[in-house]
């Protein structure tokens, strides 16, 4: 409850307390709430958020990934791209969304590889969207056209028809955990 309240304060002292809770609290719920609160800030410390990517609790990692996307950092931390290989589909889903938000051209190759091998349709859609924001290659469109997923094929056809905006802006996963006391 305290971490949630600190997230609504917005001053430097509360940011330090949230960072401390994120690093030191034994409760995964408190750590997840602390990272969520940091992610709500416009100028959170990206290194603190990136450090949470190695948390032992999946929910803390998932919220940290979302928080990085919400911050619009310039460069994706290596641990973020590694999360595309996580066994948890929710982690992969929010990672794809976040990488699309960051627009780091250095992640295109990793996103392409993940898109080629992803089995979950919703995660594939998020990967496709992330790639569309940075890569408009024919190969990407051809891969989407060959998909079994009707939604993905529809978006590929829209790209070919010159409707890039429609292809990118469709209901995509935008995780926004909202912990409440």
C-alpha atoms as a PDB file:
ATOM      1  CA  UNK A   1       0.000   0.000   0.000  1.00  0.00           C
ATOM      2  CA  UNK A   2       2.861   2.383   0.800  1.00  0.00           C
ATOM      3  CA  UNK A   3       4.519   1.772  -2.601  1.00  0.00           C
ATOM      4  CA  UNK A   4       1.233   2.480  -4.355  1.00  0.00           C
ATOM      5  CA  UNK A   5       0.784   5.718  -2.378  1.00  0.00           C
ATOM      6  CA  UNK A   6       4.380   6.788  -3.113  1.00  0.00           C
ATOM      7  CA  UNK A   7       3.688   6.306  -6.804  1.00  0.00           C
ATOM      8  CA  UNK A   8       1.042   9.001  -6.555  1.00  0.00           C
ATOM      9  CA  UNK A   9       3.305  11.523  -4.803  1.00  0.00           C
ATOM     10  CA  UNK A  10       5.743  12.233  -7.633  1.00  0.00           C
ATOM     11  CA  UNK A  11       8.686  13.868  -5.851  1.00  0.00           C
ATOM     12  CA  UNK A  12      12.345  12.827  -5.675  1.00  0.00           C
ATOM     13  CA  UNK A  13      12.053  11.457  -2.143  1.00  0.00           C
ATOM     14  CA  UNK A  14       9.273   9.096  -3.165  1.00  0.00           C
ATOM     15  CA  UNK A  15      11.324   7.902  -6.152  1.00  0.00           C
ATOM     16  CA  UNK A  16      14.200   6.994  -3.836  1.00  0.00           C
ATOM     17  CA  UNK A  17      11.842   5.132  -1.495  1.00  0.00           C
ATOM     18  CA  UNK A  18      10.305   3.251  -4.439  1.00  0.00           C
ATOM     19  CA  UNK A  19      13.775   2.304  -5.690  1.00  0.00           C
ATOM     20  CA  UNK A  20      14.642   1.025  -2.246  1.00  0.00           C
ATOM     21  CA  UNK A  21      11.437  -1.035  -2.071  1.00  0.00           C
ATOM     22  CA  UNK A  22      12.147  -2.451  -5.518  1.00  0.00           C
ATOM     23  CA  UNK A  23      15.654  -3.563  -4.526  1.00  0.00           C
ATOM     24  CA  UNK A  24      15.070  -4.663  -0.948  1.00  0.00           C
ATOM     25  CA  UNK A  25      11.502  -5.717  -0.193  1.00  0.00           C
ATOM     26  CA  UNK A  26      10.936  -9.451   0.248  1.00  0.00           C
ATOM     27  CA  UNK A  27       7.391  -9.292  -1.115  1.00  0.00           C
ATOM     28  CA  UNK A  28       7.054  -9.710  -4.876  1.00  0.00           C
ATOM     29  CA  UNK A  29       3.758  -7.814  -4.691  1.00  0.00           C
ATOM     30  CA  UNK A  30       5.459  -4.804  -3.096  1.00  0.00           C
ATOM     31  CA  UNK A  31       8.313  -4.928  -5.633  1.00  0.00           C
ATOM     32  CA  UNK A  32       5.829  -5.140  -8.536  1.00  0.00           C
ATOM     33  CA  UNK A  33       3.890  -2.185  -7.149  1.00  0.00           C
ATOM     34  CA  UNK A  34       7.109  -0.195  -6.691  1.00  0.00           C
ATOM     35  CA  UNK A  35       8.231  -0.819 -10.276  1.00  0.00           C
ATOM     36  CA  UNK A  36       4.722   0.017 -11.531  1.00  0.00           C
ATOM     37  CA  UNK A  37       4.815   3.303  -9.614  1.00  0.00           C
ATOM     38  CA  UNK A  38       8.246   4.119 -11.055  1.00  0.00           C
ATOM     39  CA  UNK A  39       6.947   3.316 -14.530  1.00  0.00           C
ATOM     40  CA  UNK A  40       4.157   5.860 -14.084  1.00  0.00           C
ATOM     41  CA  UNK A  41       6.700   8.652 -13.690  1.00  0.00           C
ATOM     42  CA  UNK A  42       7.859  10.564 -16.733  1.00  0.00           C
ATOM     43  CA  UNK A  43      11.503  10.460 -15.696  1.00  0.00           C
ATOM     44  CA  UNK A  44      12.119   7.208 -13.876  1.00  0.00           C
ATOM     45  CA  UNK A  45      15.641   5.839 -13.610  1.00  0.00           C
ATOM     46  CA  UNK A  46      15.870   3.325 -16.493  1.00  0.00           C
ATOM     47  CA  UNK A  47      18.733   1.491 -14.762  1.00  0.00           C
ATOM     48  CA  UNK A  48      16.494   0.744 -11.765  1.00  0.00           C
ATOM     49  CA  UNK A  49      13.803  -0.567 -14.089  1.00  0.00           C
ATOM     50  CA  UNK A  50      16.342  -2.622 -16.060  1.00  0.00           C
ATOM     51  CA  UNK A  51      17.694  -4.116 -12.829  1.00  0.00           C
ATOM     52  CA  UNK A  52      14.181  -5.394 -12.053  1.00  0.00           C
ATOM     53  CA  UNK A  53      14.289  -7.476 -15.255  1.00  0.00           C
ATOM     54  CA  UNK A  54      16.330 -10.034 -13.320  1.00  0.00           C
ATOM     55  CA  UNK A  55      13.914 -10.245 -10.382  1.00  0.00           C
ATOM     56  CA  UNK A  56      13.045 -13.795  -9.337  1.00  0.00           C
ATOM     57  CA  UNK A  57       9.302 -13.081  -9.552  1.00  0.00           C
ATOM     58  CA  UNK A  58       7.696 -13.145 -13.002  1.00  0.00           C
ATOM     59  CA  UNK A  59       5.137 -10.476 -12.133  1.00  0.00           C
ATOM     60  CA  UNK A  60       7.916  -8.059 -11.125  1.00  0.00           C
ATOM     61  CA  UNK A  61       9.761  -8.727 -14.391  1.00  0.00           C
ATOM     62  CA  UNK A  62       6.583  -8.261 -16.420  1.00  0.00           C
ATOM     63  CA  UNK A  63       5.791  -4.924 -14.785  1.00  0.00           C
ATOM     64  CA  UNK A  64       9.429  -3.793 -15.171  1.00  0.00           C
ATOM     65  CA  UNK A  65       9.260  -4.577 -18.889  1.00  0.00           C
ATOM     66  CA  UNK A  66       6.033  -2.597 -19.217  1.00  0.00           C
ATOM     67  CA  UNK A  67       7.556   0.290 -17.236  1.00  0.00           C
ATOM     68  CA  UNK A  68      10.519   0.497 -19.639  1.00  0.00           C
ATOM     69  CA  UNK A  69       8.091   0.815 -22.554  1.00  0.00           C
ATOM     70  CA  UNK A  70       6.158   3.459 -20.709  1.00  0.00           C
ATOM     71  CA  UNK A  71       9.363   5.468 -20.192  1.00  0.00           C
ATOM     72  CA  UNK A  72      10.253   5.466 -23.885  1.00  0.00           C
ATOM     73  CA  UNK A  73      13.949   4.847 -23.272  1.00  0.00           C
ATOM     74  CA  UNK A  74      16.274   5.220 -26.283  1.00  0.00           C
ATOM     75  CA  UNK A  75      18.081   1.897 -26.062  1.00  0.00           C
ATOM     76  CA  UNK A  76      16.768  -1.504 -25.055  1.00  0.00           C
ATOM     77  CA  UNK A  77      18.734  -3.143 -22.237  1.00  0.00           C
ATOM     78  CA  UNK A  78      20.140  -6.583 -23.209  1.00  0.00           C
ATOM     79  CA  UNK A  79      17.991  -8.266 -20.562  1.00  0.00           C
ATOM     80  CA  UNK A  80      14.924  -6.898 -22.322  1.00  0.00           C
ATOM     81  CA  UNK A  81      15.672  -8.554 -25.651  1.00  0.00           C
ATOM     82  CA  UNK A  82      16.520 -11.769 -23.761  1.00  0.00           C
ATOM     83  CA  UNK A  83      12.975 -11.716 -22.367  1.00  0.00           C
ATOM     84  CA  UNK A  84      11.678 -12.559 -25.860  1.00  0.00           C
ATOM     85  CA  UNK A  85      12.871 -16.109 -25.135  1.00  0.00           C
ATOM     86  CA  UNK A  86      11.118 -16.358 -21.763  1.00  0.00           C
ATOM     87  CA  UNK A  87       8.917 -19.410 -21.247  1.00  0.00           C
ATOM     88  CA  UNK A  88       6.064 -17.212 -20.025  1.00  0.00           C
ATOM     89  CA  UNK A  89       3.988 -15.942 -22.966  1.00  0.00           C
ATOM     90  CA  UNK A  90       2.865 -12.882 -20.981  1.00  0.00           C
ATOM     91  CA  UNK A  91       6.504 -11.871 -20.532  1.00  0.00           C
ATOM     92  CA  UNK A  92       7.111 -12.296 -24.291  1.00  0.00           C
ATOM     93  CA  UNK A  93       3.933 -10.352 -25.081  1.00  0.00           C
ATOM     94  CA  UNK A  94       4.799  -7.323 -22.964  1.00  0.00           C
ATOM     95  CA  UNK A  95       8.417  -7.482 -24.183  1.00  0.00           C
ATOM     96  CA  UNK A  96       7.293  -7.255 -27.811  1.00  0.00           C
ATOM     97  CA  UNK A  97       5.069  -4.285 -26.963  1.00  0.00           C
ATOM     98  CA  UNK A  98       7.886  -2.569 -25.069  1.00  0.00           C
ATOM     99  CA  UNK A  99      10.445  -3.074 -27.836  1.00  0.00           C
ATOM    100  CA  UNK A 100       7.978  -1.506 -30.251  1.00  0.00           C
ATOM    101  CA  UNK A 101       7.635   1.479 -27.937  1.00  0.00           C
ATOM    102  CA  UNK A 102      11.404   1.906 -27.603  1.00  0.00           C
ATOM    103  CA  UNK A 103      12.122   1.839 -31.376  1.00  0.00           C
ATOM    104  CA  UNK A 104      15.718   0.684 -30.927  1.00  0.00           C
ATOM    105  CA  UNK A 105      16.906  -0.326 -34.400  1.00  0.00           C
ATOM    106  CA  UNK A 106      19.486  -2.603 -32.759  1.00  0.00           C
ATOM    107  CA  UNK A 107      16.627  -4.910 -31.702  1.00  0.00           C
ATOM    108  CA  UNK A 108      15.226  -5.559 -35.185  1.00  0.00           C
ATOM    109  CA  UNK A 109      17.257  -8.745 -35.745  1.00  0.00           C
ATOM    110  CA  UNK A 110      16.184 -10.197 -32.395  1.00  0.00           C
ATOM    111  CA  UNK A 111      12.560  -9.256 -33.057  1.00  0.00           C
ATOM    112  CA  UNK A 112      12.712 -10.879 -36.518  1.00  0.00           C
ATOM    113  CA  UNK A 113      14.106 -14.093 -35.056  1.00  0.00           C
ATOM    114  CA  UNK A 114      11.426 -14.152 -32.358  1.00  0.00           C
ATOM    115  CA  UNK A 115       8.712 -13.475 -34.950  1.00  0.00           C
ATOM    116  CA  UNK A 116       9.900 -16.421 -37.066  1.00  0.00           C
ATOM    117  CA  UNK A 117       9.751 -18.869 -34.166  1.00  0.00           C
ATOM    118  CA  UNK A 118       6.840 -17.596 -32.037  1.00  0.00           C
ATOM    119  CA  UNK A 119       3.922 -20.037 -31.725  1.00  0.00           C
ATOM    120  CA  UNK A 120       1.470 -17.872 -29.770  1.00  0.00           C
ATOM    121  CA  UNK A 121      -0.743 -15.779 -32.099  1.00  0.00           C
ATOM    122  CA  UNK A 122      -1.131 -12.824 -29.765  1.00  0.00           C
ATOM    123  CA  UNK A 123       2.620 -12.633 -29.154  1.00  0.00           C
ATOM    124  CA  UNK A 124       3.217 -12.924 -32.925  1.00  0.00           C
ATOM    125  CA  UNK A 125       0.900  -9.978 -33.502  1.00  0.00           C
ATOM    126  CA  UNK A 126       2.767  -7.900 -30.940  1.00  0.00           C
ATOM    127  CA  UNK A 127       6.095  -8.843 -32.529  1.00  0.00           C
ATOM    128  CA  UNK A 128       4.760  -7.930 -35.988  1.00  0.00           C
ATOM    129  CA  UNK A 129       3.564  -4.568 -34.710  1.00  0.00           C
ATOM    130  CA  UNK A 130       6.948  -3.881 -33.082  1.00  0.00           C
ATOM    131  CA  UNK A 131       8.706  -4.759 -36.323  1.00  0.00           C
ATOM    132  CA  UNK A 132       6.349  -2.620 -38.418  1.00  0.00           C
ATOM    133  CA  UNK A 133       7.349   0.373 -36.343  1.00  0.00           C
ATOM    134  CA  UNK A 134      10.992  -0.110 -37.399  1.00  0.00           C
ATOM    135  CA  UNK A 135      11.162  -2.438 -40.413  1.00  0.00           C
ATOM    136  CA  UNK A 136       9.032  -2.444 -43.573  1.00  0.00           C
ATOM    137  CA  UNK A 137      10.821  -5.180 -45.487  1.00  0.00           C
ATOM    138  CA  UNK A 138       9.105  -7.407 -48.003  1.00  0.00           C
ATOM    139  CA  UNK A 139      10.382 -10.449 -46.114  1.00  0.00           C
ATOM    140  CA  UNK A 140       8.472  -9.383 -42.992  1.00  0.00           C
ATOM    141  CA  UNK A 141       5.246  -8.880 -44.943  1.00  0.00           C
ATOM    142  CA  UNK A 142       5.697 -12.236 -46.690  1.00  0.00           C
ATOM    143  CA  UNK A 143       6.147 -13.983 -43.338  1.00  0.00           C
ATOM    144  CA  UNK A 144       2.946 -12.411 -42.057  1.00  0.00           C
ATOM    145  CA  UNK A 145       1.065 -13.385 -45.233  1.00  0.00           C
ATOM    146  CA  UNK A 146       2.137 -16.995 -44.694  1.00  0.00           C
ATOM    147  CA  UNK A 147       0.824 -17.047 -41.121  1.00  0.00           C
ATOM    148  CA  UNK A 148      -2.154 -19.163 -40.064  1.00  0.00           C
ATOM    149  CA  UNK A 149      -3.394 -16.146 -38.097  1.00  0.00           C
ATOM    150  CA  UNK A 150      -6.104 -14.284 -40.036  1.00  0.00           C
ATOM    151  CA  UNK A 151      -5.523 -11.065 -38.102  1.00  0.00           C
ATOM    152  CA  UNK A 152      -1.828 -11.078 -38.949  1.00  0.00           C
ATOM    153  CA  UNK A 153      -2.509 -11.752 -42.643  1.00  0.00           C
ATOM    154  CA  UNK A 154      -5.052  -8.910 -42.674  1.00  0.00           C
ATOM    155  CA  UNK A 155      -2.457  -6.489 -41.302  1.00  0.00           C
ATOM    156  CA  UNK A 156       0.077  -7.626 -43.901  1.00  0.00           C
ATOM    157  CA  UNK A 157      -2.434  -6.992 -46.699  1.00  0.00           C
ATOM    158  CA  UNK A 158      -3.125  -3.522 -45.276  1.00  0.00           C
ATOM    159  CA  UNK A 159       0.614  -2.803 -45.400  1.00  0.00           C
ATOM    160  CA  UNK A 160       0.761  -3.930 -49.036  1.00  0.00           C
ATOM    161  CA  UNK A 161      -2.227  -1.721 -49.842  1.00  0.00           C
ATOM    162  CA  UNK A 162      -0.416   1.294 -48.400  1.00  0.00           C
ATOM    163  CA  UNK A 163      -2.497   1.547 -45.236  1.00  0.00           C
ATOM    164  CA  UNK A 164       0.429   1.478 -42.816  1.00  0.00           C
ATOM    165  CA  UNK A 165      -1.412   3.364 -40.069  1.00  0.00           C
ATOM    166  CA  UNK A 166      -4.281   0.895 -40.058  1.00  0.00           C
ATOM    167  CA  UNK A 167      -1.882  -2.023 -40.020  1.00  0.00           C
ATOM    168  CA  UNK A 168      -0.057  -0.737 -36.965  1.00  0.00           C
ATOM    169  CA  UNK A 169      -2.925   0.737 -34.975  1.00  0.00           C
ATOM    170  CA  UNK A 170      -5.169  -2.094 -33.977  1.00  0.00           C
ATOM    171  CA  UNK A 171      -5.878  -3.510 -30.567  1.00  0.00           C
ATOM    172  CA  UNK A 172      -2.463  -4.577 -29.411  1.00  0.00           C
ATOM    173  CA  UNK A 173      -1.316  -5.609 -25.983  1.00  0.00           C
ATOM    174  CA  UNK A 174      -0.587  -2.590 -23.890  1.00  0.00           C
ATOM    175  CA  UNK A 175      -0.166  -4.014 -20.457  1.00  0.00           C
ATOM    176  CA  UNK A 176      -0.709  -1.526 -17.739  1.00  0.00           C
ATOM    177  CA  UNK A 177      -0.759  -3.150 -14.353  1.00  0.00           C
ATOM    178  CA  UNK A 178      -2.753  -1.104 -11.920  1.00  0.00           C
ATOM    179  CA  UNK A 179      -2.145  -2.412  -8.451  1.00  0.00           C
ATOM    180  CA  UNK A 180      -4.453  -0.984  -5.839  1.00  0.00           C
ATOM    181  CA  UNK A 181      -4.204  -1.244  -2.079  1.00  0.00           C
END
